[in-house]
Amino acid sequence: MKLNPDCIRDILLVVEEIPDINHHWRFDKETVPELLPNYSFDEVMYHIRQCQLNEFFFQASCNITGTCYTISDLSPKGHEFLANIRNDSFYNKVKDIGTELGVQSLKDLTQIALSAASLVIKSHFNLP
């Protein structure tokens, strides 16, 4: 399946809404249409797995058939990536740069977002 950065971002935004350490999100055939209505169940499951493999979740578990994920929190890496792509216009620029460079992996998009955020910060403080 082709990586969809929008789906990754939307999953992270949903997980971030977990109110406290006593709660979690359950992603299954019943909840995915409610939580992420713009994506198919299979697409969400694939992208949750990609987030998990990229260590964006602090705690995530999957049932043996891969049809249900329970996610308790974002990891520091997940929070950092989300912080760098939260703003819609900034996120769209990150995606455009990835397209322009011909790179669309999650690792590449993470690096672009981090580098672009660093440039914005340097520019704000007039640093070289």
N, C-alpha and C. Protein backbone atom coordinates (compact mmCIF):
# COMPACT_ATOMS: atom_id res chain seq x y z
N MET A 1 0.86 -1.18 0.00
CA MET A 1 0.00 0.00 0.00
C MET A 1 0.89 1.23 0.00
N LYS A 2 0.48 2.23 -0.70
CA LYS A 2 1.23 3.48 -0.79
C LYS A 2 1.03 4.30 0.49
N LEU A 3 2.12 4.88 0.98
CA LEU A 3 2.05 5.69 2.19
C LEU A 3 1.25 6.96 1.94
N ASN A 4 0.32 7.24 2.83
CA ASN A 4 -0.51 8.44 2.75
C ASN A 4 -0.19 9.32 3.97
N PRO A 5 0.63 10.35 3.78
CA PRO A 5 1.01 11.21 4.91
C PRO A 5 -0.19 11.85 5.60
N ASP A 6 -1.24 12.13 4.87
CA ASP A 6 -2.44 12.73 5.47
C ASP A 6 -3.07 11.78 6.48
N CYS A 7 -3.09 10.50 6.15
CA CYS A 7 -3.65 9.50 7.05
C CYS A 7 -2.80 9.39 8.31
N ILE A 8 -1.48 9.38 8.15
CA ILE A 8 -0.57 9.35 9.30
C ILE A 8 -0.86 10.54 10.21
N ARG A 9 -0.92 11.71 9.64
CA ARG A 9 -1.15 12.93 10.42
C ARG A 9 -2.48 12.86 11.16
N ASP A 10 -3.53 12.41 10.46
CA ASP A 10 -4.85 12.33 11.09
C ASP A 10 -4.88 11.30 12.22
N ILE A 11 -4.18 10.20 12.06
CA ILE A 11 -4.11 9.20 13.13
C ILE A 11 -3.43 9.82 14.35
N LEU A 12 -2.31 10.50 14.14
CA LEU A 12 -1.59 11.11 15.26
C LEU A 12 -2.45 12.17 15.95
N LEU A 13 -3.20 12.93 15.18
CA LEU A 13 -4.08 13.94 15.79
C LEU A 13 -5.16 13.29 16.65
N VAL A 14 -5.70 12.16 16.20
CA VAL A 14 -6.70 11.43 16.99
C VAL A 14 -6.08 10.89 18.27
N VAL A 15 -4.93 10.25 18.14
CA VAL A 15 -4.29 9.66 19.32
C VAL A 15 -3.93 10.75 20.33
N GLU A 16 -3.53 11.90 19.85
CA GLU A 16 -3.17 13.00 20.75
C GLU A 16 -4.35 13.44 21.62
N GLU A 17 -5.56 13.20 21.17
CA GLU A 17 -6.75 13.62 21.91
C GLU A 17 -7.08 12.73 23.11
N ILE A 18 -6.30 11.68 23.35
CA ILE A 18 -6.54 10.83 24.51
C ILE A 18 -6.42 11.71 25.75
N PRO A 19 -7.47 11.74 26.58
CA PRO A 19 -7.52 12.73 27.66
C PRO A 19 -6.55 12.51 28.82
N ASP A 20 -6.21 11.26 29.14
CA ASP A 20 -5.32 11.01 30.28
C ASP A 20 -4.76 9.60 30.20
N ILE A 21 -3.91 9.24 31.17
CA ILE A 21 -3.24 7.95 31.12
C ILE A 21 -4.16 6.76 31.37
N ASN A 22 -5.38 7.01 31.78
CA ASN A 22 -6.33 5.93 32.04
C ASN A 22 -7.19 5.59 30.83
N HIS A 23 -6.97 6.28 29.72
CA HIS A 23 -7.78 6.06 28.52
C HIS A 23 -6.89 5.63 27.35
N HIS A 24 -7.52 5.12 26.31
CA HIS A 24 -6.83 4.73 25.09
C HIS A 24 -7.83 4.78 23.93
N TRP A 25 -7.32 4.71 22.73
CA TRP A 25 -8.17 4.60 21.56
C TRP A 25 -8.10 3.17 21.06
N ARG A 26 -9.24 2.67 20.67
CA ARG A 26 -9.32 1.35 20.06
C ARG A 26 -9.69 1.57 18.59
N PHE A 27 -8.83 1.11 17.72
CA PHE A 27 -9.07 1.23 16.28
C PHE A 27 -9.46 -0.15 15.76
N ASP A 28 -10.74 -0.29 15.39
CA ASP A 28 -11.23 -1.54 14.83
C ASP A 28 -12.29 -1.21 13.79
N LYS A 29 -12.96 -2.25 13.27
CA LYS A 29 -13.94 -2.02 12.19
C LYS A 29 -15.10 -1.13 12.60
N GLU A 30 -15.39 -1.07 13.89
CA GLU A 30 -16.49 -0.22 14.37
C GLU A 30 -16.05 1.23 14.59
N THR A 31 -14.85 1.42 15.13
CA THR A 31 -14.43 2.77 15.53
C THR A 31 -13.73 3.55 14.42
N VAL A 32 -13.06 2.87 13.50
CA VAL A 32 -12.33 3.58 12.44
C VAL A 32 -13.24 4.50 11.63
N PRO A 33 -14.43 4.03 11.20
CA PRO A 33 -15.29 4.95 10.44
C PRO A 33 -15.70 6.20 11.23
N GLU A 34 -15.80 6.07 12.55
CA GLU A 34 -16.15 7.22 13.39
C GLU A 34 -14.96 8.14 13.60
N LEU A 35 -13.79 7.56 13.88
CA LEU A 35 -12.61 8.35 14.20
C LEU A 35 -11.93 8.94 12.97
N LEU A 36 -11.92 8.19 11.88
CA LEU A 36 -11.21 8.60 10.67
C LEU A 36 -12.07 8.30 9.44
N PRO A 37 -13.15 9.04 9.26
CA PRO A 37 -14.11 8.71 8.20
C PRO A 37 -13.59 8.90 6.77
N ASN A 38 -12.48 9.58 6.59
CA ASN A 38 -11.97 9.83 5.23
C ASN A 38 -11.12 8.69 4.68
N TYR A 39 -10.93 7.64 5.48
CA TYR A 39 -10.04 6.56 5.08
C TYR A 39 -10.72 5.20 5.26
N SER A 40 -10.28 4.25 4.45
CA SER A 40 -10.81 2.89 4.60
C SER A 40 -10.19 2.24 5.84
N PHE A 41 -10.83 1.20 6.31
CA PHE A 41 -10.33 0.46 7.46
C PHE A 41 -8.92 -0.08 7.19
N ASP A 42 -8.73 -0.69 6.02
CA ASP A 42 -7.42 -1.25 5.69
C ASP A 42 -6.34 -0.18 5.63
N GLU A 43 -6.69 0.98 5.09
CA GLU A 43 -5.71 2.07 5.01
C GLU A 43 -5.30 2.54 6.40
N VAL A 44 -6.26 2.67 7.30
CA VAL A 44 -5.95 3.10 8.67
C VAL A 44 -5.09 2.06 9.37
N MET A 45 -5.43 0.78 9.25
CA MET A 45 -4.65 -0.27 9.91
C MET A 45 -3.21 -0.28 9.39
N TYR A 46 -3.05 -0.13 8.10
CA TYR A 46 -1.71 -0.10 7.50
C TYR A 46 -0.90 1.08 8.06
N HIS A 47 -1.52 2.24 8.13
CA HIS A 47 -0.81 3.43 8.58
C HIS A 47 -0.56 3.44 10.09
N ILE A 48 -1.44 2.82 10.85
CA ILE A 48 -1.15 2.65 12.28
C ILE A 48 0.09 1.77 12.44
N ARG A 49 0.16 0.71 11.65
CA ARG A 49 1.33 -0.16 11.71
C ARG A 49 2.60 0.61 11.33
N GLN A 50 2.50 1.47 10.33
CA GLN A 50 3.66 2.28 9.94
C GLN A 50 4.06 3.24 11.07
N CYS A 51 3.08 3.82 11.73
CA CYS A 51 3.38 4.68 12.89
C CYS A 51 4.06 3.88 13.99
N GLN A 52 3.57 2.69 14.22
CA GLN A 52 4.14 1.84 15.26
C GLN A 52 5.58 1.46 14.90
N LEU A 53 5.81 1.07 13.66
CA LEU A 53 7.16 0.69 13.23
C LEU A 53 8.13 1.87 13.29
N ASN A 54 7.61 3.08 13.16
CA ASN A 54 8.43 4.29 13.25
C ASN A 54 8.48 4.87 14.66
N GLU A 55 7.97 4.10 15.61
CA GLU A 55 8.03 4.43 17.03
C GLU A 55 7.32 5.75 17.36
N PHE A 56 6.17 5.99 16.73
CA PHE A 56 5.39 7.19 17.02
C PHE A 56 4.43 6.99 18.19
N PHE A 57 4.26 5.75 18.64
CA PHE A 57 3.38 5.47 19.76
C PHE A 57 4.19 5.02 20.96
N PHE A 58 3.78 5.48 22.13
CA PHE A 58 4.42 5.04 23.38
C PHE A 58 3.93 3.63 23.71
N GLN A 59 2.63 3.44 23.64
CA GLN A 59 2.05 2.12 23.88
C GLN A 59 1.02 1.84 22.80
N ALA A 60 1.22 0.74 22.10
CA ALA A 60 0.26 0.30 21.09
C ALA A 60 0.31 -1.22 21.04
N SER A 61 -0.85 -1.82 20.95
CA SER A 61 -0.89 -3.27 20.83
C SER A 61 -1.89 -3.64 19.74
N CYS A 62 -1.62 -4.77 19.13
CA CYS A 62 -2.44 -5.25 18.02
C CYS A 62 -2.90 -6.66 18.34
N ASN A 63 -4.12 -6.99 17.94
CA ASN A 63 -4.56 -8.37 18.14
C ASN A 63 -3.85 -9.27 17.13
N ILE A 64 -3.96 -10.53 17.30
CA ILE A 64 -3.20 -11.49 16.50
C ILE A 64 -3.56 -11.44 15.01
N THR A 65 -4.78 -11.05 14.68
CA THR A 65 -5.19 -10.99 13.27
C THR A 65 -4.90 -9.64 12.62
N GLY A 66 -4.44 -8.67 13.41
CA GLY A 66 -4.14 -7.35 12.86
C GLY A 66 -5.36 -6.52 12.54
N THR A 67 -6.50 -6.87 13.14
CA THR A 67 -7.74 -6.15 12.83
C THR A 67 -8.14 -5.17 13.92
N CYS A 68 -7.31 -5.03 14.94
CA CYS A 68 -7.62 -4.11 16.03
C CYS A 68 -6.33 -3.63 16.68
N TYR A 69 -6.20 -2.33 16.83
CA TYR A 69 -5.09 -1.74 17.56
C TYR A 69 -5.65 -0.99 18.75
N THR A 70 -4.95 -1.08 19.87
CA THR A 70 -5.25 -0.28 21.04
C THR A 70 -4.03 0.60 21.29
N ILE A 71 -4.24 1.91 21.31
CA ILE A 71 -3.14 2.86 21.43
C ILE A 71 -3.40 3.74 22.63
N SER A 72 -2.39 3.84 23.47
CA SER A 72 -2.53 4.59 24.72
C SER A 72 -1.93 5.98 24.69
N ASP A 73 -0.91 6.19 23.85
CA ASP A 73 -0.25 7.50 23.89
C ASP A 73 0.73 7.62 22.73
N LEU A 74 1.09 8.86 22.43
CA LEU A 74 2.16 9.13 21.48
C LEU A 74 3.50 9.06 22.21
N SER A 75 4.52 8.66 21.51
CA SER A 75 5.88 8.67 22.05
C SER A 75 6.43 10.10 21.90
N PRO A 76 7.56 10.39 22.52
CA PRO A 76 8.19 11.70 22.27
C PRO A 76 8.43 11.94 20.78
N LYS A 77 8.83 10.90 20.06
CA LYS A 77 9.07 11.01 18.62
C LYS A 77 7.76 11.35 17.88
N GLY A 78 6.66 10.73 18.29
CA GLY A 78 5.36 11.01 17.69
C GLY A 78 4.90 12.43 17.98
N HIS A 79 5.10 12.87 19.23
CA HIS A 79 4.75 14.25 19.59
C HIS A 79 5.57 15.25 18.79
N GLU A 80 6.85 14.98 18.63
CA GLU A 80 7.72 15.90 17.89
C GLU A 80 7.30 16.00 16.43
N PHE A 81 7.05 14.85 15.80
CA PHE A 81 6.63 14.86 14.40
C PHE A 81 5.32 15.62 14.25
N LEU A 82 4.37 15.34 15.13
CA LEU A 82 3.08 16.02 15.05
C LEU A 82 3.23 17.52 15.29
N ALA A 83 4.06 17.91 16.22
CA ALA A 83 4.28 19.33 16.48
C ALA A 83 4.83 20.03 15.25
N ASN A 84 5.66 19.32 14.49
CA ASN A 84 6.26 19.92 13.30
C ASN A 84 5.32 19.96 12.09
N ILE A 85 4.22 19.21 12.14
CA ILE A 85 3.30 19.21 10.99
C ILE A 85 1.88 19.61 11.39
N ARG A 86 1.71 20.14 12.57
CA ARG A 86 0.36 20.49 13.04
C ARG A 86 -0.28 21.60 12.20
N ASN A 87 0.47 22.64 11.93
CA ASN A 87 -0.04 23.76 11.16
C ASN A 87 -0.31 23.32 9.72
N ASP A 88 -1.54 23.55 9.24
CA ASP A 88 -1.92 23.09 7.90
C ASP A 88 -1.03 23.64 6.79
N SER A 89 -0.76 24.93 6.80
CA SER A 89 0.04 25.51 5.71
C SER A 89 1.48 25.00 5.76
N PHE A 90 2.03 24.85 6.96
CA PHE A 90 3.39 24.33 7.10
C PHE A 90 3.44 22.86 6.65
N TYR A 91 2.44 22.10 7.04
CA TYR A 91 2.37 20.70 6.64
C TYR A 91 2.29 20.56 5.13
N ASN A 92 1.48 21.40 4.49
CA ASN A 92 1.37 21.35 3.03
C ASN A 92 2.70 21.68 2.36
N LYS A 93 3.47 22.59 2.95
CA LYS A 93 4.80 22.91 2.41
C LYS A 93 5.73 21.71 2.55
N VAL A 94 5.66 21.04 3.69
CA VAL A 94 6.48 19.84 3.90
C VAL A 94 6.15 18.79 2.84
N LYS A 95 4.87 18.57 2.60
CA LYS A 95 4.46 17.59 1.58
C LYS A 95 4.94 18.02 0.20
N ASP A 96 4.82 19.32 -0.10
CA ASP A 96 5.26 19.83 -1.41
C ASP A 96 6.76 19.63 -1.60
N ILE A 97 7.54 19.88 -0.57
CA ILE A 97 8.98 19.69 -0.65
C ILE A 97 9.30 18.22 -0.90
N GLY A 98 8.60 17.33 -0.18
CA GLY A 98 8.79 15.90 -0.39
C GLY A 98 8.48 15.49 -1.82
N THR A 99 7.40 16.02 -2.36
CA THR A 99 7.02 15.72 -3.74
C THR A 99 8.07 16.26 -4.71
N GLU A 100 8.50 17.49 -4.47
CA GLU A 100 9.50 18.13 -5.33
C GLU A 100 10.81 17.34 -5.33
N LEU A 101 11.20 16.83 -4.17
CA LEU A 101 12.44 16.07 -4.05
C LEU A 101 12.27 14.60 -4.43
N GLY A 102 11.03 14.17 -4.58
CA GLY A 102 10.76 12.78 -4.94
C GLY A 102 10.93 11.83 -3.77
N VAL A 103 10.75 12.34 -2.54
CA VAL A 103 10.85 11.50 -1.35
C VAL A 103 9.53 11.56 -0.60
N GLN A 104 9.02 10.40 -0.24
CA GLN A 104 7.73 10.35 0.44
C GLN A 104 7.71 9.38 1.61
N SER A 105 8.88 8.86 2.00
CA SER A 105 8.89 7.94 3.13
C SER A 105 8.61 8.72 4.40
N LEU A 106 8.17 8.03 5.41
CA LEU A 106 7.87 8.68 6.69
C LEU A 106 9.14 9.27 7.30
N LYS A 107 10.23 8.56 7.15
CA LYS A 107 11.52 9.07 7.65
C LYS A 107 11.90 10.36 6.92
N ASP A 108 11.72 10.38 5.61
CA ASP A 108 12.05 11.59 4.83
C ASP A 108 11.16 12.76 5.21
N LEU A 109 9.86 12.51 5.34
CA LEU A 109 8.95 13.59 5.71
C LEU A 109 9.24 14.12 7.10
N THR A 110 9.64 13.22 8.00
CA THR A 110 10.02 13.64 9.35
C THR A 110 11.23 14.55 9.28
N GLN A 111 12.21 14.19 8.47
CA GLN A 111 13.43 15.00 8.33
C GLN A 111 13.12 16.35 7.69
N ILE A 112 12.27 16.35 6.68
CA ILE A 112 11.90 17.62 6.03
C ILE A 112 11.20 18.52 7.03
N ALA A 113 10.26 17.97 7.79
CA ALA A 113 9.52 18.76 8.78
C ALA A 113 10.47 19.33 9.83
N LEU A 114 11.39 18.52 10.30
CA LEU A 114 12.35 18.97 11.31
C LEU A 114 13.26 20.06 10.75
N SER A 115 13.77 19.86 9.56
CA SER A 115 14.65 20.84 8.93
C SER A 115 13.92 22.15 8.65
N ALA A 116 12.71 22.04 8.14
CA ALA A 116 11.93 23.25 7.83
C ALA A 116 11.59 24.01 9.11
N ALA A 117 11.25 23.29 10.17
CA ALA A 117 10.96 23.95 11.45
C ALA A 117 12.20 24.66 11.97
N SER A 118 13.36 24.03 11.83
CA SER A 118 14.62 24.67 12.27
C SER A 118 14.88 25.95 11.48
N LEU A 119 14.63 25.91 10.18
CA LEU A 119 14.83 27.12 9.35
C LEU A 119 13.89 28.24 9.75
N VAL A 120 12.65 27.90 10.06
CA VAL A 120 11.67 28.91 10.49
C VAL A 120 12.12 29.54 11.81
N ILE A 121 12.59 28.72 12.72
CA ILE A 121 13.06 29.23 14.02
C ILE A 121 14.27 30.13 13.83
N LYS A 122 15.23 29.69 13.02
CA LYS A 122 16.42 30.52 12.76
C LYS A 122 16.04 31.85 12.12
N SER A 123 15.13 31.79 11.17
CA SER A 123 14.68 33.00 10.48
C SER A 123 14.00 33.96 11.47
N HIS A 124 13.20 33.42 12.36
CA HIS A 124 12.49 34.23 13.33
C HIS A 124 13.46 35.02 14.22
N PHE A 125 14.57 34.39 14.57
CA PHE A 125 15.54 35.03 15.45
C PHE A 125 16.71 35.64 14.68
N ASN A 126 16.59 35.71 13.34
CA ASN A 126 17.65 36.26 12.48
C ASN A 126 18.99 35.59 12.72
N LEU A 127 18.98 34.28 12.86
CA LEU A 127 20.21 33.51 13.06
C LEU A 127 20.73 33.02 11.72
N PRO A 128 22.05 32.85 11.60
CA PRO A 128 22.62 32.37 10.32
C PRO A 128 22.30 30.92 10.06
